[in-house]
Amino acid sequence: FPYRMLKRLGSMKLTVLGSEGVRKIDEAARRILERTGVEVPHEEMLRLFEKAGARVDVAATRVRIPSALLDDCLQASEKTFILRGRDRSLRAEFGLGRRNYNSTAGQAFWVEESGSRRYACLADVTEAARIGDVLPRINIVGAMSDPHEIDVSHRCVEVAAALLAATTKPVMFWFHDRATARYLVELLQIVTGGEARAFPPAFPLLEPISPLRFPR
């Protein structure tokens, strides 16, 4: 795509779904959450869901979430938030009518110019971050790499550290477990001079394991 076309697309108001399409997706998602439910293999989370009003099958680690509980959560959630990079003038604003673009969190393989495929490594994270740092349309930088040579138990910490070192824009990464979350929150506090809550420089990519199952 020529840059002038990207610039034009960035200024256009694009409508993918009409209000009826949005309504149908919302209704279908609510039916799935309430009837089929999701698997949550974590005792504490199951107790919290049950306390909040969800139907919980402890033996199957399955939670069925009623629409009323979903509405309560949506009502209580923040409607707007702003990420700021190490350079706080570089921002990503959500809920304010502006479009944000991010490079992806991480791929297992990279394809070389020769066409050969190889496992991604930590050096690729730095290269991806530097590319994202200079691309004007990317305002949230991702690793685009899942470094195969680093043990999964601390891989996300290494990825986040490499991202924060290579770009001054906001970044995205992932948590592996409570231990890595603790290290990463401490890292963000250091980067922001103890102001990570007021000036968050990142957000974690959190997602279920398809279909409808969360990791512990």
N, C-alpha and C. Protein backbone atom coordinates (compact mmCIF):
# COMPACT_ATOMS: atom_id res chain seq x y z
N PHE A 1 0.84 -1.19 0.00
CA PHE A 1 0.00 0.00 0.00
C PHE A 1 0.88 1.24 0.00
N PRO A 2 0.69 2.14 -0.94
CA PRO A 2 1.42 3.41 -0.87
C PRO A 2 1.04 4.17 0.39
N TYR A 3 1.98 4.96 0.89
CA TYR A 3 1.74 5.70 2.14
C TYR A 3 0.55 6.64 2.00
N ARG A 4 0.36 7.25 0.81
CA ARG A 4 -0.76 8.19 0.65
C ARG A 4 -2.10 7.49 0.82
N MET A 5 -2.16 6.19 0.41
CA MET A 5 -3.40 5.45 0.59
C MET A 5 -3.65 5.13 2.06
N LEU A 6 -2.58 4.77 2.81
CA LEU A 6 -2.72 4.52 4.23
C LEU A 6 -3.18 5.79 4.96
N LYS A 7 -2.61 6.91 4.53
CA LYS A 7 -2.98 8.18 5.15
C LYS A 7 -4.46 8.47 4.90
N ARG A 8 -4.92 8.20 3.68
CA ARG A 8 -6.32 8.43 3.35
C ARG A 8 -7.24 7.51 4.15
N LEU A 9 -6.86 6.23 4.27
CA LEU A 9 -7.66 5.28 5.03
C LEU A 9 -7.75 5.68 6.50
N GLY A 10 -6.63 6.20 7.02
CA GLY A 10 -6.60 6.60 8.42
C GLY A 10 -7.56 7.73 8.73
N SER A 11 -7.91 8.54 7.73
CA SER A 11 -8.81 9.67 7.96
C SER A 11 -10.26 9.35 7.62
N MET A 12 -10.50 8.15 7.07
CA MET A 12 -11.86 7.78 6.67
C MET A 12 -12.64 7.20 7.84
N LYS A 13 -13.94 7.38 7.84
CA LYS A 13 -14.81 6.74 8.81
C LYS A 13 -15.34 5.47 8.17
N LEU A 14 -14.87 4.32 8.65
CA LEU A 14 -15.23 3.04 8.06
C LEU A 14 -16.30 2.37 8.92
N THR A 15 -17.35 1.88 8.32
CA THR A 15 -18.40 1.16 9.02
C THR A 15 -18.43 -0.28 8.50
N VAL A 16 -18.03 -1.20 9.36
CA VAL A 16 -18.00 -2.61 8.98
C VAL A 16 -19.36 -3.25 9.21
N LEU A 17 -19.97 -2.96 10.37
CA LEU A 17 -21.27 -3.53 10.71
C LEU A 17 -22.25 -2.41 11.02
N GLY A 18 -23.47 -2.59 10.57
CA GLY A 18 -24.52 -1.66 10.98
C GLY A 18 -24.99 -1.99 12.38
N SER A 19 -25.92 -1.21 12.91
CA SER A 19 -26.40 -1.43 14.27
C SER A 19 -27.08 -2.79 14.42
N GLU A 20 -27.74 -3.25 13.35
CA GLU A 20 -28.41 -4.56 13.41
C GLU A 20 -27.38 -5.67 13.50
N GLY A 21 -26.28 -5.56 12.76
CA GLY A 21 -25.22 -6.56 12.83
C GLY A 21 -24.59 -6.61 14.21
N VAL A 22 -24.35 -5.44 14.79
CA VAL A 22 -23.79 -5.38 16.14
C VAL A 22 -24.75 -6.04 17.14
N ARG A 23 -26.04 -5.77 17.00
CA ARG A 23 -27.04 -6.35 17.91
C ARG A 23 -27.05 -7.87 17.82
N LYS A 24 -26.98 -8.42 16.62
CA LYS A 24 -27.00 -9.87 16.46
C LYS A 24 -25.77 -10.53 17.08
N ILE A 25 -24.60 -9.92 16.90
CA ILE A 25 -23.38 -10.47 17.49
C ILE A 25 -23.48 -10.42 19.01
N ASP A 26 -23.97 -9.31 19.55
CA ASP A 26 -24.11 -9.17 21.00
C ASP A 26 -25.06 -10.23 21.55
N GLU A 27 -26.20 -10.42 20.90
CA GLU A 27 -27.18 -11.40 21.38
C GLU A 27 -26.61 -12.82 21.32
N ALA A 28 -25.90 -13.14 20.25
CA ALA A 28 -25.32 -14.49 20.12
C ALA A 28 -24.25 -14.73 21.18
N ALA A 29 -23.42 -13.72 21.43
CA ALA A 29 -22.38 -13.86 22.45
C ALA A 29 -23.00 -14.07 23.82
N ARG A 30 -24.06 -13.34 24.13
CA ARG A 30 -24.73 -13.49 25.43
C ARG A 30 -25.34 -14.88 25.59
N ARG A 31 -25.92 -15.41 24.50
CA ARG A 31 -26.49 -16.77 24.57
C ARG A 31 -25.41 -17.80 24.86
N ILE A 32 -24.28 -17.65 24.19
CA ILE A 32 -23.17 -18.60 24.39
C ILE A 32 -22.66 -18.54 25.83
N LEU A 33 -22.46 -17.33 26.35
CA LEU A 33 -21.94 -17.18 27.72
C LEU A 33 -22.92 -17.73 28.75
N GLU A 34 -24.23 -17.57 28.50
CA GLU A 34 -25.22 -17.99 29.48
C GLU A 34 -25.57 -19.47 29.37
N ARG A 35 -25.63 -20.00 28.15
CA ARG A 35 -26.06 -21.39 27.97
C ARG A 35 -24.87 -22.37 27.95
N THR A 36 -23.87 -22.05 27.16
CA THR A 36 -22.71 -22.95 27.05
C THR A 36 -21.70 -22.67 28.15
N GLY A 37 -21.42 -21.40 28.38
CA GLY A 37 -20.49 -21.02 29.42
C GLY A 37 -19.04 -21.14 28.99
N VAL A 38 -18.16 -20.86 29.94
CA VAL A 38 -16.72 -20.93 29.68
C VAL A 38 -16.06 -21.77 30.77
N GLU A 39 -14.97 -22.42 30.42
CA GLU A 39 -14.20 -23.20 31.40
C GLU A 39 -13.16 -22.30 32.06
N VAL A 40 -13.17 -22.31 33.39
CA VAL A 40 -12.23 -21.50 34.17
C VAL A 40 -11.59 -22.42 35.22
N PRO A 41 -10.45 -23.04 34.92
CA PRO A 41 -9.85 -24.02 35.83
C PRO A 41 -9.07 -23.38 36.97
N HIS A 42 -9.79 -22.62 37.81
CA HIS A 42 -9.13 -21.91 38.90
C HIS A 42 -10.13 -21.77 40.05
N GLU A 43 -9.81 -22.36 41.20
CA GLU A 43 -10.76 -22.46 42.31
C GLU A 43 -11.22 -21.08 42.80
N GLU A 44 -10.28 -20.17 42.97
CA GLU A 44 -10.63 -18.85 43.48
C GLU A 44 -11.55 -18.11 42.52
N MET A 45 -11.25 -18.20 41.21
CA MET A 45 -12.09 -17.52 40.22
C MET A 45 -13.50 -18.11 40.19
N LEU A 46 -13.60 -19.44 40.36
CA LEU A 46 -14.92 -20.06 40.40
C LEU A 46 -15.74 -19.54 41.57
N ARG A 47 -15.10 -19.40 42.73
CA ARG A 47 -15.81 -18.86 43.90
C ARG A 47 -16.27 -17.42 43.66
N LEU A 48 -15.41 -16.62 43.02
CA LEU A 48 -15.76 -15.23 42.75
C LEU A 48 -16.92 -15.13 41.77
N PHE A 49 -16.90 -15.99 40.74
CA PHE A 49 -18.00 -16.00 39.78
C PHE A 49 -19.32 -16.37 40.47
N GLU A 50 -19.25 -17.40 41.33
CA GLU A 50 -20.46 -17.84 42.02
C GLU A 50 -20.98 -16.74 42.93
N LYS A 51 -20.09 -16.07 43.64
CA LYS A 51 -20.48 -14.97 44.53
C LYS A 51 -21.13 -13.84 43.75
N ALA A 52 -20.68 -13.63 42.50
CA ALA A 52 -21.21 -12.54 41.67
C ALA A 52 -22.55 -12.88 41.03
N GLY A 53 -22.95 -14.17 41.09
CA GLY A 53 -24.26 -14.52 40.54
C GLY A 53 -24.22 -15.42 39.33
N ALA A 54 -23.05 -15.89 38.93
CA ALA A 54 -22.97 -16.82 37.81
C ALA A 54 -23.33 -18.24 38.27
N ARG A 55 -23.74 -19.09 37.33
CA ARG A 55 -23.99 -20.50 37.63
C ARG A 55 -22.68 -21.25 37.44
N VAL A 56 -22.22 -21.91 38.50
CA VAL A 56 -20.90 -22.52 38.48
C VAL A 56 -21.01 -24.03 38.68
N ASP A 57 -20.42 -24.78 37.76
CA ASP A 57 -20.28 -26.23 37.90
C ASP A 57 -18.83 -26.49 38.30
N VAL A 58 -18.61 -26.70 39.60
CA VAL A 58 -17.24 -26.81 40.12
C VAL A 58 -16.53 -28.02 39.53
N ALA A 59 -17.22 -29.15 39.44
CA ALA A 59 -16.60 -30.37 38.94
C ALA A 59 -16.12 -30.21 37.51
N ALA A 60 -16.89 -29.51 36.69
CA ALA A 60 -16.52 -29.31 35.28
C ALA A 60 -15.74 -28.02 35.07
N THR A 61 -15.52 -27.25 36.15
CA THR A 61 -14.87 -25.93 36.09
C THR A 61 -15.51 -25.03 35.03
N ARG A 62 -16.84 -25.11 34.95
CA ARG A 62 -17.57 -24.35 33.93
C ARG A 62 -18.40 -23.25 34.59
N VAL A 63 -18.36 -22.07 33.98
CA VAL A 63 -19.09 -20.92 34.48
C VAL A 63 -20.06 -20.46 33.41
N ARG A 64 -21.33 -20.32 33.80
CA ARG A 64 -22.35 -19.78 32.89
C ARG A 64 -22.72 -18.39 33.39
N ILE A 65 -22.54 -17.40 32.51
CA ILE A 65 -22.63 -16.00 32.91
C ILE A 65 -23.93 -15.39 32.40
N PRO A 66 -24.83 -15.01 33.31
CA PRO A 66 -26.10 -14.41 32.88
C PRO A 66 -25.90 -13.00 32.33
N SER A 67 -26.82 -12.59 31.47
CA SER A 67 -26.71 -11.26 30.85
C SER A 67 -26.69 -10.15 31.87
N ALA A 68 -27.42 -10.32 32.98
CA ALA A 68 -27.48 -9.27 34.00
C ALA A 68 -26.10 -9.04 34.60
N LEU A 69 -25.35 -10.11 34.83
CA LEU A 69 -24.00 -9.97 35.37
C LEU A 69 -23.08 -9.31 34.34
N LEU A 70 -23.24 -9.69 33.10
CA LEU A 70 -22.46 -9.06 32.03
C LEU A 70 -22.74 -7.56 31.98
N ASP A 71 -24.01 -7.18 32.08
CA ASP A 71 -24.36 -5.76 32.06
C ASP A 71 -23.75 -5.01 33.24
N ASP A 72 -23.77 -5.65 34.42
CA ASP A 72 -23.18 -5.02 35.61
C ASP A 72 -21.70 -4.76 35.41
N CYS A 73 -21.00 -5.74 34.82
CA CYS A 73 -19.56 -5.59 34.59
C CYS A 73 -19.27 -4.49 33.56
N LEU A 74 -20.07 -4.46 32.50
CA LEU A 74 -19.88 -3.42 31.49
C LEU A 74 -20.15 -2.04 32.05
N GLN A 75 -21.16 -1.96 32.92
CA GLN A 75 -21.50 -0.67 33.53
C GLN A 75 -20.38 -0.18 34.45
N ALA A 76 -19.72 -1.11 35.12
CA ALA A 76 -18.68 -0.75 36.09
C ALA A 76 -17.32 -0.49 35.44
N SER A 77 -17.16 -0.92 34.18
CA SER A 77 -15.84 -0.80 33.55
C SER A 77 -15.58 0.61 33.06
N GLU A 78 -14.29 0.94 32.97
CA GLU A 78 -13.90 2.25 32.44
C GLU A 78 -14.31 2.36 30.97
N LYS A 79 -14.79 3.52 30.58
CA LYS A 79 -15.22 3.72 29.20
C LYS A 79 -14.12 4.37 28.35
N THR A 80 -13.19 5.04 29.03
CA THR A 80 -12.07 5.66 28.31
C THR A 80 -10.78 5.39 29.09
N PHE A 81 -9.68 5.26 28.37
CA PHE A 81 -8.38 5.21 29.02
C PHE A 81 -7.31 5.61 28.01
N ILE A 82 -6.16 6.03 28.52
CA ILE A 82 -5.07 6.51 27.69
C ILE A 82 -3.78 5.80 28.08
N LEU A 83 -3.09 5.27 27.09
CA LEU A 83 -1.75 4.73 27.29
C LEU A 83 -0.74 5.79 26.86
N ARG A 84 0.34 5.90 27.60
CA ARG A 84 1.42 6.83 27.25
C ARG A 84 2.73 6.07 27.25
N GLY A 85 3.52 6.28 26.20
CA GLY A 85 4.81 5.62 26.12
C GLY A 85 5.82 6.23 27.07
N ARG A 86 7.06 5.73 27.00
CA ARG A 86 8.13 6.35 27.80
C ARG A 86 8.24 7.83 27.45
N ASP A 87 8.03 8.14 26.18
CA ASP A 87 7.81 9.53 25.77
C ASP A 87 6.32 9.78 25.93
N ARG A 88 5.92 10.50 26.96
CA ARG A 88 4.51 10.62 27.30
C ARG A 88 3.69 11.41 26.29
N SER A 89 4.36 12.03 25.33
CA SER A 89 3.61 12.69 24.25
C SER A 89 3.10 11.68 23.23
N LEU A 90 3.62 10.46 23.27
CA LEU A 90 3.20 9.40 22.36
C LEU A 90 2.10 8.60 23.06
N ARG A 91 0.88 8.72 22.54
CA ARG A 91 -0.30 8.22 23.26
C ARG A 91 -1.14 7.29 22.39
N ALA A 92 -1.92 6.48 23.06
CA ALA A 92 -3.00 5.71 22.44
C ALA A 92 -4.24 5.96 23.28
N GLU A 93 -5.26 6.56 22.68
CA GLU A 93 -6.46 6.96 23.40
C GLU A 93 -7.62 6.05 23.01
N PHE A 94 -8.30 5.52 24.03
CA PHE A 94 -9.41 4.60 23.80
C PHE A 94 -10.70 5.21 24.33
N GLY A 95 -11.79 5.02 23.58
CA GLY A 95 -13.08 5.54 24.00
C GLY A 95 -13.26 7.00 23.71
N LEU A 96 -12.37 7.58 22.92
CA LEU A 96 -12.43 9.01 22.62
C LEU A 96 -12.64 9.27 21.12
N GLY A 97 -13.06 8.23 20.40
CA GLY A 97 -13.39 8.39 18.99
C GLY A 97 -12.20 8.39 18.06
N ARG A 98 -11.04 7.93 18.55
CA ARG A 98 -9.85 7.91 17.71
C ARG A 98 -9.41 6.47 17.46
N ARG A 99 -8.84 6.26 16.30
CA ARG A 99 -8.42 4.92 15.90
C ARG A 99 -6.99 4.66 16.34
N ASN A 100 -6.72 3.45 16.84
CA ASN A 100 -5.38 3.05 17.24
C ASN A 100 -4.94 1.85 16.42
N TYR A 101 -3.65 1.80 16.13
CA TYR A 101 -3.09 0.67 15.37
C TYR A 101 -1.92 0.09 16.15
N ASN A 102 -1.90 -1.24 16.27
CA ASN A 102 -0.78 -1.90 16.95
C ASN A 102 -0.17 -2.98 16.09
N SER A 103 1.12 -3.18 16.26
CA SER A 103 1.75 -4.37 15.70
C SER A 103 1.45 -5.52 16.64
N THR A 104 1.43 -6.74 16.15
CA THR A 104 0.88 -7.86 16.91
C THR A 104 1.78 -8.25 18.08
N ALA A 105 1.20 -9.01 19.01
CA ALA A 105 1.92 -9.36 20.24
C ALA A 105 3.05 -10.36 19.99
N GLY A 106 2.80 -11.41 19.20
CA GLY A 106 3.88 -12.37 19.03
C GLY A 106 3.54 -13.54 18.13
N GLN A 107 4.43 -13.84 17.20
CA GLN A 107 4.30 -15.00 16.33
C GLN A 107 5.37 -16.03 16.65
N ALA A 108 5.03 -17.30 16.50
CA ALA A 108 5.99 -18.36 16.80
C ALA A 108 7.09 -18.44 15.73
N PHE A 109 6.74 -18.14 14.47
CA PHE A 109 7.70 -18.28 13.37
C PHE A 109 7.87 -16.96 12.62
N TRP A 110 9.04 -16.76 12.09
CA TRP A 110 9.32 -15.68 11.15
C TRP A 110 9.71 -16.31 9.81
N VAL A 111 9.34 -15.62 8.73
CA VAL A 111 9.70 -16.06 7.38
C VAL A 111 10.77 -15.12 6.83
N GLU A 112 11.91 -15.67 6.44
CA GLU A 112 13.00 -14.87 5.89
C GLU A 112 12.70 -14.45 4.45
N GLU A 113 13.47 -13.50 3.94
CA GLU A 113 13.28 -13.07 2.55
C GLU A 113 13.46 -14.22 1.58
N SER A 114 14.28 -15.20 1.96
CA SER A 114 14.50 -16.37 1.11
C SER A 114 13.28 -17.28 1.04
N GLY A 115 12.33 -17.07 1.96
CA GLY A 115 11.15 -17.93 2.01
C GLY A 115 11.25 -19.00 3.08
N SER A 116 12.42 -19.16 3.70
CA SER A 116 12.58 -20.17 4.74
C SER A 116 11.92 -19.70 6.03
N ARG A 117 11.40 -20.64 6.79
CA ARG A 117 10.70 -20.33 8.03
C ARG A 117 11.54 -20.79 9.21
N ARG A 118 11.59 -19.96 10.26
CA ARG A 118 12.37 -20.31 11.45
C ARG A 118 11.62 -19.85 12.69
N TYR A 119 11.99 -20.41 13.85
CA TYR A 119 11.43 -19.97 15.11
C TYR A 119 11.86 -18.54 15.40
N ALA A 120 10.97 -17.74 15.96
CA ALA A 120 11.30 -16.38 16.35
C ALA A 120 12.22 -16.40 17.56
N CYS A 121 13.03 -15.35 17.71
CA CYS A 121 13.97 -15.26 18.83
C CYS A 121 13.89 -13.86 19.46
N LEU A 122 14.59 -13.66 20.56
CA LEU A 122 14.51 -12.39 21.27
C LEU A 122 15.03 -11.22 20.43
N ALA A 123 16.04 -11.47 19.59
CA ALA A 123 16.55 -10.40 18.72
C ALA A 123 15.46 -9.90 17.78
N ASP A 124 14.53 -10.77 17.41
CA ASP A 124 13.41 -10.35 16.55
C ASP A 124 12.49 -9.38 17.28
N VAL A 125 12.35 -9.55 18.59
CA VAL A 125 11.52 -8.62 19.37
C VAL A 125 12.07 -7.21 19.27
N THR A 126 13.38 -7.09 19.44
CA THR A 126 14.02 -5.78 19.34
C THR A 126 13.86 -5.19 17.95
N GLU A 127 14.03 -6.01 16.92
CA GLU A 127 13.88 -5.52 15.55
C GLU A 127 12.44 -5.08 15.28
N ALA A 128 11.47 -5.88 15.75
CA ALA A 128 10.07 -5.53 15.55
C ALA A 128 9.72 -4.23 16.29
N ALA A 129 10.27 -4.08 17.49
CA ALA A 129 9.99 -2.87 18.27
C ALA A 129 10.57 -1.63 17.59
N ARG A 130 11.75 -1.76 17.02
CA ARG A 130 12.36 -0.61 16.32
C ARG A 130 11.57 -0.24 15.08
N ILE A 131 11.05 -1.26 14.38
CA ILE A 131 10.21 -0.99 13.20
C ILE A 131 8.93 -0.28 13.64
N GLY A 132 8.27 -0.81 14.68
CA GLY A 132 7.05 -0.18 15.17
C GLY A 132 7.29 1.23 15.68
N ASP A 133 8.48 1.46 16.21
CA ASP A 133 8.81 2.77 16.76
C ASP A 133 8.85 3.85 15.69
N VAL A 134 9.26 3.49 14.47
CA VAL A 134 9.42 4.51 13.43
C VAL A 134 8.21 4.59 12.49
N LEU A 135 7.31 3.60 12.52
CA LEU A 135 6.14 3.65 11.64
C LEU A 135 5.11 4.62 12.21
N PRO A 136 4.76 5.67 11.46
CA PRO A 136 3.90 6.72 12.03
C PRO A 136 2.49 6.26 12.36
N ARG A 137 1.97 5.25 11.67
CA ARG A 137 0.61 4.81 11.93
C ARG A 137 0.51 3.83 13.10
N ILE A 138 1.61 3.24 13.50
CA ILE A 138 1.60 2.32 14.63
C ILE A 138 1.79 3.14 15.91
N ASN A 139 0.78 3.14 16.78
CA ASN A 139 0.95 3.87 18.03
C ASN A 139 0.98 2.98 19.26
N ILE A 140 0.87 1.65 19.07
CA ILE A 140 1.11 0.67 20.14
C ILE A 140 2.00 -0.42 19.55
N VAL A 141 3.15 -0.62 20.14
CA VAL A 141 4.16 -1.51 19.55
C VAL A 141 4.10 -2.89 20.21
N GLY A 142 4.02 -3.93 19.37
CA GLY A 142 4.04 -5.30 19.84
C GLY A 142 5.32 -6.00 19.42
N ALA A 143 5.56 -7.16 20.00
CA ALA A 143 6.83 -7.88 19.78
C ALA A 143 6.87 -8.57 18.42
N MET A 144 5.72 -8.94 17.88
CA MET A 144 5.63 -9.71 16.63
C MET A 144 6.47 -10.99 16.69
N SER A 145 6.85 -11.42 17.89
CA SER A 145 7.75 -12.57 18.06
C SER A 145 7.45 -13.25 19.39
N ASP A 146 7.50 -14.56 19.40
CA ASP A 146 7.39 -15.35 20.62
C ASP A 146 8.71 -16.11 20.75
N PRO A 147 9.71 -15.56 21.44
CA PRO A 147 11.09 -16.08 21.38
C PRO A 147 11.20 -17.52 21.85
N HIS A 148 11.52 -18.40 20.93
CA HIS A 148 11.49 -19.83 21.19
C HIS A 148 12.60 -20.26 22.14
N GLU A 149 13.71 -19.52 22.18
CA GLU A 149 14.85 -19.97 22.97
C GLU A 149 14.72 -19.65 24.46
N ILE A 150 13.72 -18.87 24.84
CA ILE A 150 13.53 -18.48 26.23
C ILE A 150 12.42 -19.33 26.85
N ASP A 151 12.67 -19.86 28.03
CA ASP A 151 11.69 -20.70 28.71
C ASP A 151 10.39 -19.93 28.92
N VAL A 152 9.28 -20.60 28.74
CA VAL A 152 7.98 -19.94 28.80
C VAL A 152 7.70 -19.36 30.18
N SER A 153 8.36 -19.88 31.22
CA SER A 153 8.10 -19.42 32.58
C SER A 153 8.48 -17.96 32.78
N HIS A 154 9.42 -17.45 31.98
CA HIS A 154 9.80 -16.03 32.12
C HIS A 154 9.93 -15.33 30.77
N ARG A 155 9.44 -15.97 29.72
CA ARG A 155 9.54 -15.40 28.37
C ARG A 155 8.89 -14.03 28.26
N CYS A 156 7.69 -13.88 28.86
CA CYS A 156 6.97 -12.62 28.71
C CYS A 156 7.71 -11.46 29.38
N VAL A 157 8.46 -11.74 30.43
CA VAL A 157 9.24 -10.69 31.10
C VAL A 157 10.35 -10.20 30.18
N GLU A 158 11.04 -11.14 29.55
CA GLU A 158 12.12 -10.79 28.61
C GLU A 158 11.57 -9.99 27.42
N VAL A 159 10.41 -10.40 26.93
CA VAL A 159 9.80 -9.71 25.79
C VAL A 159 9.43 -8.27 26.16
N ALA A 160 8.80 -8.09 27.30
CA ALA A 160 8.39 -6.75 27.72
C ALA A 160 9.61 -5.85 27.93
N ALA A 161 10.67 -6.39 28.53
CA ALA A 161 11.87 -5.60 28.77
C ALA A 161 12.50 -5.17 27.45
N ALA A 162 12.54 -6.07 26.47
CA ALA A 162 13.11 -5.74 25.16
C ALA A 162 12.27 -4.69 24.46
N LEU A 163 10.95 -4.79 24.55
CA LEU A 163 10.07 -3.80 23.94
C LEU A 163 10.28 -2.42 24.55
N LEU A 164 10.28 -2.36 25.86
CA LEU A 164 10.41 -1.07 26.55
C LEU A 164 11.76 -0.42 26.27
N ALA A 165 12.78 -1.24 26.02
CA ALA A 165 14.11 -0.70 25.73
C ALA A 165 14.22 -0.16 24.31
N ALA A 166 13.39 -0.70 23.39
CA ALA A 166 13.58 -0.39 21.96
C ALA A 166 12.59 0.61 21.40
N THR A 167 11.56 0.99 22.17
CA THR A 167 10.60 1.96 21.67
C THR A 167 10.18 2.90 22.79
N THR A 168 9.84 4.13 22.42
CA THR A 168 9.31 5.09 23.39
C THR A 168 7.79 5.19 23.29
N LYS A 169 7.18 4.37 22.43
CA LYS A 169 5.72 4.35 22.30
C LYS A 169 5.11 3.39 23.33
N PRO A 170 3.80 3.45 23.53
CA PRO A 170 3.14 2.43 24.35
C PRO A 170 3.37 1.04 23.74
N VAL A 171 3.37 0.01 24.57
CA VAL A 171 3.62 -1.35 24.10
C VAL A 171 2.52 -2.29 24.58
N MET A 172 2.47 -3.47 23.97
CA MET A 172 1.57 -4.53 24.40
C MET A 172 2.37 -5.82 24.56
N PHE A 173 2.03 -6.60 25.58
CA PHE A 173 2.72 -7.87 25.83
C PHE A 173 1.73 -8.79 26.51
N TRP A 174 2.20 -9.82 27.20
CA TRP A 174 1.28 -10.73 27.86
C TRP A 174 1.86 -11.16 29.20
N PHE A 175 0.95 -11.57 30.11
CA PHE A 175 1.34 -12.17 31.39
C PHE A 175 1.28 -13.69 31.24
N HIS A 176 2.20 -14.39 31.91
CA HIS A 176 2.15 -15.86 31.91
C HIS A 176 1.45 -16.38 33.15
N ASP A 177 1.77 -15.83 34.30
CA ASP A 177 1.17 -16.26 35.56
C ASP A 177 1.35 -15.14 36.59
N ARG A 178 1.01 -15.43 37.84
CA ARG A 178 1.09 -14.39 38.87
C ARG A 178 2.54 -13.93 39.10
N ALA A 179 3.46 -14.86 39.04
CA ALA A 179 4.86 -14.51 39.29
C ALA A 179 5.37 -13.54 38.23
N THR A 180 5.12 -13.83 36.95
CA THR A 180 5.58 -12.93 35.90
C THR A 180 4.82 -11.60 35.94
N ALA A 181 3.54 -11.65 36.32
CA ALA A 181 2.78 -10.41 36.45
C ALA A 181 3.41 -9.49 37.50
N ARG A 182 3.89 -10.08 38.59
CA ARG A 182 4.52 -9.29 39.64
C ARG A 182 5.79 -8.61 39.13
N TYR A 183 6.61 -9.36 38.39
CA TYR A 183 7.83 -8.79 37.81
C TYR A 183 7.49 -7.68 36.80
N LEU A 184 6.48 -7.92 35.98
CA LEU A 184 6.15 -6.96 34.93
C LEU A 184 5.57 -5.67 35.51
N VAL A 185 4.74 -5.79 36.53
CA VAL A 185 4.21 -4.58 37.17
C VAL A 185 5.36 -3.78 37.80
N GLU A 186 6.31 -4.48 38.42
CA GLU A 186 7.47 -3.79 38.99
C GLU A 186 8.29 -3.11 37.89
N LEU A 187 8.43 -3.79 36.75
CA LEU A 187 9.17 -3.21 35.62
C LEU A 187 8.48 -1.93 35.12
N LEU A 188 7.15 -1.97 35.00
CA LEU A 188 6.41 -0.79 34.54
C LEU A 188 6.52 0.36 35.55
N GLN A 189 6.55 0.02 36.82
CA GLN A 189 6.72 1.07 37.83
C GLN A 189 8.09 1.74 37.70
N ILE A 190 9.11 0.94 37.43
CA ILE A 190 10.45 1.49 37.25
C ILE A 190 10.50 2.41 36.03
N VAL A 191 9.93 1.94 34.93
CA VAL A 191 9.96 2.70 33.67
C VAL A 191 9.23 4.04 33.81
N THR A 192 8.16 4.06 34.60
CA THR A 192 7.34 5.28 34.72
C THR A 192 7.69 6.10 35.96
N GLY A 193 8.75 5.73 36.65
CA GLY A 193 9.10 6.46 37.86
C GLY A 193 8.06 6.32 38.95
N GLY A 194 7.45 5.12 39.03
CA GLY A 194 6.44 4.87 40.06
C GLY A 194 5.06 5.37 39.71
N GLU A 195 4.82 5.77 38.46
CA GLU A 195 3.53 6.34 38.08
C GLU A 195 2.80 5.50 37.04
N ALA A 196 2.98 4.19 37.11
CA ALA A 196 2.35 3.31 36.12
C ALA A 196 0.83 3.34 36.19
N ARG A 197 0.28 3.55 37.38
CA ARG A 197 -1.18 3.61 37.50
C ARG A 197 -1.73 4.88 36.86
N ALA A 198 -1.06 6.00 37.07
CA ALA A 198 -1.51 7.27 36.51
C ALA A 198 -1.19 7.39 35.03
N PHE A 199 -0.05 6.83 34.62
CA PHE A 199 0.40 6.94 33.22
C PHE A 199 0.77 5.55 32.69
N PRO A 200 -0.22 4.67 32.49
CA PRO A 200 0.10 3.31 32.03
C PRO A 200 0.78 3.32 30.66
N PRO A 201 1.94 2.66 30.54
CA PRO A 201 2.65 2.64 29.27
C PRO A 201 2.36 1.41 28.42
N ALA A 202 1.47 0.52 28.89
CA ALA A 202 1.29 -0.76 28.22
C ALA A 202 -0.05 -1.37 28.59
N PHE A 203 -0.45 -2.37 27.79
CA PHE A 203 -1.55 -3.21 28.23
C PHE A 203 -1.23 -4.65 27.86
N PRO A 204 -1.66 -5.60 28.71
CA PRO A 204 -1.39 -7.00 28.43
C PRO A 204 -2.45 -7.59 27.51
N LEU A 205 -2.03 -8.47 26.65
CA LEU A 205 -2.95 -9.21 25.80
C LEU A 205 -3.47 -10.40 26.60
N LEU A 206 -4.74 -10.40 26.92
CA LEU A 206 -5.37 -11.47 27.68
C LEU A 206 -6.43 -12.12 26.80
N GLU A 207 -6.39 -13.43 26.68
CA GLU A 207 -7.33 -14.09 25.78
C GLU A 207 -7.57 -15.53 26.22
N PRO A 208 -8.75 -16.06 25.90
CA PRO A 208 -9.03 -17.46 26.21
C PRO A 208 -8.33 -18.39 25.23
N ILE A 209 -8.32 -19.67 25.61
CA ILE A 209 -7.87 -20.69 24.67
C ILE A 209 -9.11 -21.14 23.91
N SER A 210 -9.13 -20.95 22.63
CA SER A 210 -10.31 -21.30 21.84
C SER A 210 -10.55 -22.82 21.92
N PRO A 211 -11.78 -23.29 22.08
CA PRO A 211 -12.99 -22.49 22.25
C PRO A 211 -13.42 -22.37 23.72
N LEU A 212 -13.60 -21.17 24.19
CA LEU A 212 -14.24 -20.87 25.46
C LEU A 212 -13.58 -21.52 26.67
N ARG A 213 -12.26 -21.51 26.68
CA ARG A 213 -11.55 -22.06 27.84
C ARG A 213 -10.39 -21.14 28.20
N PHE A 214 -10.27 -20.83 29.49
CA PHE A 214 -9.17 -20.01 29.96
C PHE A 214 -8.07 -20.87 30.57
N PRO A 215 -6.81 -20.48 30.41
CA PRO A 215 -5.74 -21.20 31.10
C PRO A 215 -5.79 -20.88 32.60
N ARG A 216 -5.22 -21.73 33.42
CA ARG A 216 -5.24 -21.48 34.85
C ARG A 216 -4.57 -20.17 35.20
